[in-house]
């Protein structure tokens, strides 16, 4: 590799090169952070599960006996007081009641049409059109291209919110607010009980604030209710008991981390619960890894093509990679770089798994290198100096 050529090329493309390096630094930090969070979550989960003991909260027992201990409980939910929305005549025996408010508003849509007969500066022309629809947020009509006749209210008189029942128990054990927030199995409310207020109309499960439930005007409101955590639904929970209430557990190994607790619908043993939590955590982690890989590839594509040309002039690069397109080369390098960064935290925490990931990182590079191939006696071709995107 000619280092003088590298210096000269950096002088010519220093701005875009620095911007690309900043992007690489950002995505590298993101990947390291995501893997570190995964390792920490796994360790916290292991500590929680190893400290938990299964108890029966449906027999008479002394709560003080389990004070400060991590427990695993299974049983039906008991809602001591229903959640109510008196204006809509709604009362539910559930952990959560979610109220979704939408307003009928003008919506602006745009379409672009290409005009090849016009001047180059006017090759495309935008067309604006307007229609009415329900939205959860205020659409700012002052930003519309055609404002006359398309005015929306500037605020919503009602807001979406979620109510959480105060007193929820499994057996004799109360659930804390942080534990109750984990209930997310929502069901729609289909009520035939009409509200007493004359300005609220009920139609097909929606409550309308306006003159009519069928013919809507700009500014009308539509309210829909869902609930989660029904009375008598079976749930499994793991947490620490404090004053007769199940609270999230703060692992001793991670005093600054957010406390951890588990609440799942259904009846599960500790082993089953552990496997489900690990599965969900792995799915979440792979989403981060895929996002990181896309960011690495996008950062690589922002580099000037001549940088890849200089890289391909390395003696250990085989001619197979030199014949590939720029997109494929960046794809291979991005894949290896992503796995390399992922392997770093795991080499410290779990060397065996980290070594496997590291091997996956160098495998594509070995495939496209001359390290594992026998050198031919024929002279080497001249250095690669130009891209040919038509070849692969």
Protein backbone atom coordinates (compact mmCIF):
# COMPACT_ATOMS: atom_id res chain seq x y z
CA UNK A 1 0.00 0.00 0.00
CA UNK A 2 1.33 3.41 -0.99
CA UNK A 3 1.20 5.63 2.12
CA UNK A 4 1.96 8.74 0.10
CA UNK A 5 -1.17 8.07 -1.98
CA UNK A 6 -3.17 7.78 1.24
CA UNK A 7 -1.86 11.13 2.51
CA UNK A 8 -2.58 12.84 -0.80
CA UNK A 9 -6.09 11.41 -0.98
CA UNK A 10 -6.83 12.49 2.60
CA UNK A 11 -5.80 16.05 1.73
CA UNK A 12 -8.28 16.00 -1.16
CA UNK A 13 -11.20 14.43 0.74
CA UNK A 14 -10.48 15.38 4.36
CA UNK A 15 -13.94 16.83 5.06
CA UNK A 16 -16.00 13.85 3.89
CA UNK A 17 -13.47 11.46 5.42
CA UNK A 18 -13.73 13.11 8.84
CA UNK A 19 -17.53 13.08 8.64
CA UNK A 20 -17.48 9.38 7.78
CA UNK A 21 -15.11 8.68 10.69
CA UNK A 22 -17.47 10.52 13.03
CA UNK A 23 -20.32 8.31 11.81
CA UNK A 24 -18.17 5.22 12.35
CA UNK A 25 -17.32 6.38 15.88
CA UNK A 26 -20.99 6.93 16.68
CA UNK A 27 -22.15 3.54 15.45
CA UNK A 28 -19.19 1.84 17.17
CA UNK A 29 -20.25 3.39 20.47
CA UNK A 30 -23.86 2.35 19.80
CA UNK A 31 -22.87 -1.29 19.19
CA UNK A 32 -20.64 -1.41 22.28
CA UNK A 33 -23.39 0.18 24.39
CA UNK A 34 -26.04 -2.26 23.11
CA UNK A 35 -23.88 -5.32 23.84
CA UNK A 36 -22.91 -3.97 27.28
CA UNK A 37 -26.59 -3.43 28.09
CA UNK A 38 -27.36 -6.98 26.96
CA UNK A 39 -24.64 -8.43 29.18
CA UNK A 40 -25.80 -6.35 32.14
CA UNK A 41 -29.43 -7.38 31.61
CA UNK A 42 -28.44 -11.05 31.44
CA UNK A 43 -26.43 -10.80 34.65
CA UNK A 44 -29.26 -8.99 36.44
CA UNK A 45 -31.75 -11.60 35.26
CA UNK A 46 -29.49 -14.42 36.45
CA UNK A 47 -29.10 -12.78 39.86
CA UNK A 48 -32.86 -12.23 40.17
CA UNK A 49 -33.71 -15.81 39.24
CA UNK A 50 -31.04 -17.37 41.44
CA UNK A 51 -32.30 -15.39 44.45
CA UNK A 52 -36.00 -16.10 43.86
CA UNK A 53 -37.97 -18.69 45.81
CA UNK A 54 -41.45 -19.92 44.96
CA UNK A 55 -44.09 -19.23 47.60
CA UNK A 56 -47.83 -19.78 47.82
CA UNK A 57 -49.60 -16.47 48.42
CA UNK A 58 -53.06 -18.02 48.51
CA UNK A 59 -52.79 -19.53 51.99
CA UNK A 60 -52.85 -17.57 55.21
CA UNK A 61 -49.30 -16.58 56.03
CA UNK A 62 -47.36 -13.88 57.80
CA UNK A 63 -46.11 -11.29 55.25
CA UNK A 64 -43.33 -10.15 57.58
CA UNK A 65 -41.84 -13.63 57.27
CA UNK A 66 -40.88 -12.89 53.64
CA UNK A 67 -39.85 -9.27 54.13
CA UNK A 68 -36.85 -8.40 51.93
CA UNK A 69 -36.85 -11.76 50.12
CA UNK A 70 -37.09 -12.29 46.36
CA UNK A 71 -40.14 -14.41 45.57
CA UNK A 72 -41.81 -16.10 42.61
CA UNK A 73 -45.62 -16.10 42.75
CA UNK A 74 -48.44 -17.34 40.51
CA UNK A 75 -52.13 -16.57 40.79
CA UNK A 76 -55.19 -14.64 39.64
CA UNK A 77 -55.34 -10.85 39.83
CA UNK A 78 -57.60 -9.28 42.42
CA UNK A 79 -58.74 -5.72 41.73
CA UNK A 80 -60.02 -4.19 44.97
CA UNK A 81 -61.49 -1.05 43.37
CA UNK A 82 -62.63 -0.69 39.74
CA UNK A 83 -61.29 2.01 37.44
CA UNK A 84 -63.98 4.44 36.38
CA UNK A 85 -64.67 7.06 33.73
CA UNK A 86 -67.98 8.50 34.98
CA UNK A 87 -68.53 10.80 31.98
CA UNK A 88 -68.66 7.74 29.70
CA UNK A 89 -70.36 5.39 32.19
CA UNK A 90 -67.37 3.02 32.14
CA UNK A 91 -66.33 0.89 35.13
CA UNK A 92 -63.84 -1.96 34.68
CA UNK A 93 -62.24 -4.44 37.07
CA UNK A 94 -58.78 -4.25 35.54
CA UNK A 95 -55.23 -3.09 36.25
CA UNK A 96 -55.18 -0.49 33.45
CA UNK A 97 -57.73 1.58 31.57
CA UNK A 98 -56.35 3.37 28.52
CA UNK A 99 -58.19 6.34 27.05
CA UNK A 100 -57.32 7.29 23.47
CA UNK A 101 -58.51 10.69 22.25
CA UNK A 102 -58.55 11.68 18.56
CA UNK A 103 -59.70 14.88 16.86
CA UNK A 104 -61.28 15.29 13.42
CA UNK A 105 -58.97 17.56 11.39
CA UNK A 106 -57.82 18.67 7.97
CA UNK A 107 -54.91 16.60 6.62
CA UNK A 108 -52.57 17.85 3.88
CA UNK A 109 -51.21 15.40 1.31
CA UNK A 110 -48.71 16.09 -1.47
CA UNK A 111 -47.82 14.32 -4.69
CA UNK A 112 -44.97 15.07 -7.08
CA UNK A 113 -45.32 14.95 -10.85
CA UNK A 114 -42.34 15.01 -13.20
CA UNK A 115 -42.56 17.47 -16.08
CA UNK A 116 -39.87 16.66 -18.64
CA UNK A 117 -40.93 19.45 -21.00
CA UNK A 118 -40.18 22.28 -18.55
CA UNK A 119 -36.90 23.87 -17.58
CA UNK A 120 -34.45 21.73 -15.55
CA UNK A 121 -35.14 23.80 -12.40
CA UNK A 122 -38.86 22.98 -12.73
CA UNK A 123 -38.67 19.29 -13.57
CA UNK A 124 -41.03 18.31 -10.73
CA UNK A 125 -44.28 19.91 -9.65
CA UNK A 126 -46.04 19.37 -6.33
CA UNK A 127 -49.78 18.92 -6.08
CA UNK A 128 -51.51 19.59 -2.74
CA UNK A 129 -54.83 18.08 -1.74
CA UNK A 130 -56.75 18.00 1.53
CA UNK A 131 -59.04 15.57 3.30
CA UNK A 132 -60.50 15.10 6.78
CA UNK A 133 -59.46 12.33 9.15
CA UNK A 134 -58.97 11.43 12.82
CA UNK A 135 -55.58 12.10 14.42
CA UNK A 136 -54.15 11.58 17.94
CA UNK A 137 -52.32 14.90 17.77
CA UNK A 138 -53.00 18.46 16.64
CA UNK A 139 -52.25 19.01 12.94
CA UNK A 140 -50.85 22.53 12.53
CA UNK A 141 -52.91 24.00 9.69
CA UNK A 142 -50.82 27.20 9.69
CA UNK A 143 -48.14 25.20 7.86
CA UNK A 144 -50.49 24.18 5.04
CA UNK A 145 -49.68 25.34 1.53
CA UNK A 146 -53.32 26.36 0.99
CA UNK A 147 -54.55 27.74 4.32
CA UNK A 148 -57.92 29.38 3.46
CA UNK A 149 -60.74 26.95 4.18
CA UNK A 150 -58.45 24.47 5.98
CA UNK A 151 -58.29 25.59 9.61
CA UNK A 152 -57.75 23.16 12.50
CA UNK A 153 -58.10 23.89 16.23
CA UNK A 154 -54.81 24.81 17.91
CA UNK A 155 -55.29 22.47 20.88
CA UNK A 156 -57.21 19.40 22.03
CA UNK A 157 -59.60 19.86 24.97
CA UNK A 158 -59.06 16.23 26.05
CA UNK A 159 -55.89 14.17 26.20
CA UNK A 160 -55.06 10.49 25.94
CA UNK A 161 -54.14 8.91 29.26
CA UNK A 162 -53.80 5.60 31.06
CA UNK A 163 -55.35 4.96 34.48
CA UNK A 164 -53.77 2.34 36.77
CA UNK A 165 -55.73 0.73 39.60
CA UNK A 166 -54.41 1.60 43.03
CA UNK A 167 -54.94 -1.70 44.87
CA UNK A 168 -54.08 -4.85 42.91
CA UNK A 169 -53.20 -8.12 44.61
CA UNK A 170 -52.11 -11.66 43.83
CA UNK A 171 -53.14 -13.63 46.87
CA UNK A 172 -52.24 -11.58 49.94
CA UNK A 173 -49.44 -9.72 48.14
CA UNK A 174 -49.98 -6.24 46.72
CA UNK A 175 -48.36 -5.22 43.42
CA UNK A 176 -46.36 -1.98 43.28
CA UNK A 177 -46.89 0.66 40.61
CA UNK A 178 -43.71 -0.34 38.71
CA UNK A 179 -44.87 -3.96 38.59
CA UNK A 180 -48.40 -3.01 37.47
CA UNK A 181 -46.96 -0.98 34.58
CA UNK A 182 -45.78 -4.25 33.01
CA UNK A 183 -49.39 -5.29 32.30
CA UNK A 184 -49.90 -4.69 28.57
CA UNK A 185 -52.45 -7.25 27.31
CA UNK A 186 -55.07 -4.76 26.14
CA UNK A 187 -58.66 -5.56 25.19
CA UNK A 188 -61.19 -3.25 23.56
CA UNK A 189 -64.24 -2.10 25.47
CA UNK A 190 -67.52 -2.63 23.62
CA UNK A 191 -70.19 -1.14 25.84
CA UNK A 192 -73.93 -0.77 25.20
CA UNK A 193 -74.34 1.52 28.18
CA UNK A 194 -74.76 5.01 26.81
CA UNK A 195 -73.30 7.97 28.73
CA UNK A 196 -75.63 10.29 30.59
CA UNK A 197 -74.15 13.43 29.04
CA UNK A 198 -76.12 14.52 25.96
CA UNK A 199 -73.03 15.90 24.17
CA UNK A 200 -71.38 12.44 24.11
CA UNK A 201 -72.67 9.92 21.55
CA UNK A 202 -71.84 6.20 21.51
CA UNK A 203 -71.45 4.42 18.17
CA UNK A 204 -69.54 1.18 17.36
CA UNK A 205 -67.47 1.34 20.53
CA UNK A 206 -66.40 4.98 20.05
CA UNK A 207 -67.57 7.94 22.12
CA UNK A 208 -68.04 11.09 20.04
CA UNK A 209 -67.98 14.67 21.34
CA UNK A 210 -70.00 16.57 18.75
CA UNK A 211 -73.42 17.11 17.24
CA UNK A 212 -73.53 13.70 15.53
CA UNK A 213 -71.84 10.31 15.77
CA UNK A 214 -72.14 9.80 12.00
CA UNK A 215 -71.56 13.23 10.46
CA UNK A 216 -68.40 14.78 11.86
CA UNK A 217 -67.18 18.37 11.88
CA UNK A 218 -63.66 19.75 12.25
CA UNK A 219 -62.79 19.79 15.95
CA UNK A 220 -65.04 16.87 16.94
CA UNK A 221 -63.47 14.39 19.36
CA UNK A 222 -63.51 10.59 19.28
CA UNK A 223 -62.67 8.61 22.43
CA UNK A 224 -61.89 4.90 22.55
CA UNK A 225 -61.18 2.79 25.64
CA UNK A 226 -59.12 -0.36 26.14
CA UNK A 227 -58.24 -2.18 29.34
CA UNK A 228 -55.52 -4.59 30.45
CA UNK A 229 -55.07 -7.01 33.34
CA UNK A 230 -58.57 -8.32 33.85
CA UNK A 231 -59.86 -9.55 37.18
CA UNK A 232 -59.08 -13.28 37.73
CA UNK A 233 -56.51 -13.45 34.90
CA UNK A 234 -53.58 -15.67 35.92
CA UNK A 235 -50.22 -13.90 36.18
CA UNK A 236 -46.70 -14.90 37.19
CA UNK A 237 -44.51 -12.38 38.99
CA UNK A 238 -41.00 -12.16 40.43
CA UNK A 239 -39.81 -9.38 42.72
CA UNK A 240 -38.80 -8.48 46.25
CA UNK A 241 -41.30 -8.10 49.09
CA UNK A 242 -41.27 -4.78 50.91
CA UNK A 243 -44.00 -4.01 53.46
CA UNK A 244 -46.35 -6.58 51.95
CA UNK A 245 -45.90 -5.21 48.41
CA UNK A 246 -44.06 -6.80 45.49
CA UNK A 247 -41.40 -4.32 44.37
CA UNK A 248 -38.68 -4.41 41.68
CA UNK A 249 -35.40 -5.93 42.85
CA UNK A 250 -32.15 -3.94 42.90
CA UNK A 251 -29.25 -6.35 42.19
CA UNK A 252 -26.29 -5.95 44.53
CA UNK A 253 -23.88 -6.27 41.58
CA UNK A 254 -25.47 -3.28 39.78
CA UNK A 255 -26.47 -0.71 42.43
CA UNK A 256 -26.83 2.11 39.89
CA UNK A 257 -28.96 0.13 37.42
CA UNK A 258 -32.75 0.35 37.30
CA UNK A 259 -34.43 -2.26 39.54
CA UNK A 260 -35.77 -5.34 37.79
CA UNK A 261 -39.03 -7.23 38.16
CA UNK A 262 -41.02 -9.68 36.04
CA UNK A 263 -44.76 -9.89 35.42
CA UNK A 264 -46.17 -12.15 32.71
CA UNK A 265 -49.66 -13.31 31.89
CA UNK A 266 -50.00 -17.05 32.44
CA UNK A 267 -48.65 -19.63 34.85
CA UNK A 268 -44.91 -20.29 34.55
CA UNK A 269 -42.26 -21.98 36.63
CA UNK A 270 -39.03 -20.15 37.38
CA UNK A 271 -37.22 -22.04 34.62
CA UNK A 272 -39.93 -21.33 32.04
CA UNK A 273 -40.00 -17.67 33.04
CA UNK A 274 -36.22 -17.44 32.74
CA UNK A 275 -36.26 -18.93 29.24
CA UNK A 276 -39.02 -16.56 28.08
CA UNK A 277 -37.21 -13.50 29.41
CA UNK A 278 -33.95 -14.55 27.74
CA UNK A 279 -35.75 -15.17 24.45
CA UNK A 280 -37.33 -11.72 24.48
CA UNK A 281 -34.02 -10.12 25.43
CA UNK A 282 -32.25 -11.89 22.56
CA UNK A 283 -34.86 -10.71 20.05
CA UNK A 284 -34.45 -7.16 21.33
CA UNK A 285 -30.65 -7.42 21.10
CA UNK A 286 -30.70 -8.71 17.52
CA UNK A 287 -32.83 -5.72 16.52
CA UNK A 288 -30.10 -3.45 17.86
CA UNK A 289 -27.42 -5.47 16.07
CA UNK A 290 -29.26 -5.28 12.76
CA UNK A 291 -29.72 -1.53 13.20
CA UNK A 292 -26.02 -1.18 13.98
CA UNK A 293 -25.05 -3.15 10.87
CA UNK A 294 -27.24 -0.92 8.69
CA UNK A 295 -25.60 2.15 10.22
CA UNK A 296 -22.10 0.75 9.62
CA UNK A 297 -22.95 0.00 5.99
CA UNK A 298 -24.42 3.49 5.51
CA UNK A 299 -21.28 5.02 7.03
CA UNK A 300 -19.09 2.95 4.71
CA UNK A 301 -21.06 4.10 1.68
CA UNK A 302 -20.41 7.74 2.61
CA UNK A 303 -16.67 7.22 2.21
CA UNK A 304 -15.12 8.34 -1.07
CA UNK A 305 -14.84 5.35 -3.47
CA UNK A 306 -11.11 5.91 -3.86
CA UNK A 307 -10.59 4.85 -0.23
CA UNK A 308 -11.90 1.39 -1.08
CA UNK A 309 -9.72 1.40 -4.20
CA UNK A 310 -6.66 2.05 -2.04
CA UNK A 311 -7.72 -0.69 0.37
CA UNK A 312 -8.07 -3.23 -2.44
CA UNK A 313 -4.46 -2.59 -3.45
CA UNK A 314 -3.28 -4.40 -0.31
CA UNK A 315 -1.26 -7.48 -1.23
CA UNK A 316 -3.29 -9.82 0.98
CA UNK A 317 -6.54 -8.98 -0.86
CA UNK A 318 -7.42 -11.63 -3.46
CA UNK A 319 -8.47 -10.81 -6.99
CA UNK A 320 -11.96 -12.18 -6.23
CA UNK A 321 -12.76 -9.18 -4.03
CA UNK A 322 -11.19 -6.75 -6.52
CA UNK A 323 -13.68 -7.91 -9.14
CA UNK A 324 -16.66 -7.16 -6.86
CA UNK A 325 -18.76 -4.02 -6.91
CA UNK A 326 -18.31 -1.25 -4.40
CA UNK A 327 -21.60 -2.13 -2.70
CA UNK A 328 -20.55 -5.75 -2.19
CA UNK A 329 -17.12 -4.78 -0.84
CA UNK A 330 -18.69 -2.37 1.65
CA UNK A 331 -21.24 -5.02 2.60
CA UNK A 332 -18.52 -7.57 3.38
CA UNK A 333 -16.41 -5.08 5.33
CA UNK A 334 -19.44 -3.78 7.25
CA UNK A 335 -20.45 -7.31 8.21
CA UNK A 336 -16.97 -8.10 9.51
CA UNK A 337 -16.64 -4.78 11.33
CA UNK A 338 -20.03 -5.17 13.04
CA UNK A 339 -19.22 -8.66 14.31
CA UNK A 340 -15.77 -7.50 15.41
CA UNK A 341 -17.23 -4.73 17.59
CA UNK A 342 -19.91 -7.07 18.97
CA UNK A 343 -17.27 -9.62 19.97
CA UNK A 344 -15.24 -7.17 22.11
CA UNK A 345 -17.56 -7.06 25.19
CA UNK A 346 -18.25 -10.78 24.93
CA UNK A 347 -14.54 -11.66 24.86
CA UNK A 348 -14.37 -10.11 28.33
CA UNK A 349 -17.65 -11.47 29.72
CA UNK A 350 -17.91 -14.85 27.96
CA UNK A 351 -14.70 -15.62 26.00
CA UNK A 352 -16.08 -18.75 24.31
CA UNK A 353 -19.02 -16.92 22.73
CA UNK A 354 -16.84 -13.88 22.00
CA UNK A 355 -14.34 -16.10 20.17
CA UNK A 356 -17.12 -17.54 18.00
CA UNK A 357 -18.34 -14.07 17.06
CA UNK A 358 -14.77 -12.94 16.41
CA UNK A 359 -14.26 -15.95 14.14
CA UNK A 360 -17.40 -14.98 12.23
CA UNK A 361 -15.94 -11.49 11.80
CA UNK A 362 -12.67 -12.62 10.22
CA UNK A 363 -14.16 -15.44 8.13
CA UNK A 364 -15.29 -13.20 5.22
CA UNK A 365 -11.91 -11.46 5.23
CA UNK A 366 -10.11 -14.81 5.08
CA UNK A 367 -12.36 -15.90 2.23
CA UNK A 368 -11.37 -12.85 0.17
CA UNK A 369 -7.69 -12.89 1.14
CA UNK A 370 -4.58 -14.65 -0.16
CA UNK A 371 -3.75 -16.05 3.28
CA UNK A 372 -5.45 -19.40 2.68
CA UNK A 373 -4.70 -19.65 -1.05
CA UNK A 374 -1.51 -20.76 -2.73
CA UNK A 375 0.32 -18.03 -4.60
CA UNK A 376 0.54 -18.61 -8.31
CA UNK A 377 3.85 -18.48 -10.12
CA UNK A 378 2.47 -16.16 -12.73
CA UNK A 379 3.11 -12.47 -12.20
CA UNK A 380 0.48 -10.51 -10.27
CA UNK A 381 -1.88 -8.25 -12.22
CA UNK A 382 -1.34 -4.51 -12.04
CA UNK A 383 -2.79 -2.73 -9.00
CA UNK A 384 -6.51 -2.08 -8.98
CA UNK A 385 -7.06 1.56 -9.82
CA UNK A 386 -10.65 1.95 -10.96
CA UNK A 387 -14.12 0.81 -10.03
CA UNK A 388 -16.22 -1.21 -12.43
CA UNK A 389 -19.69 -1.49 -10.97
CA UNK A 390 -20.84 -3.76 -13.76
CA UNK A 391 -18.52 -6.57 -12.66
CA UNK A 392 -18.98 -8.79 -9.65
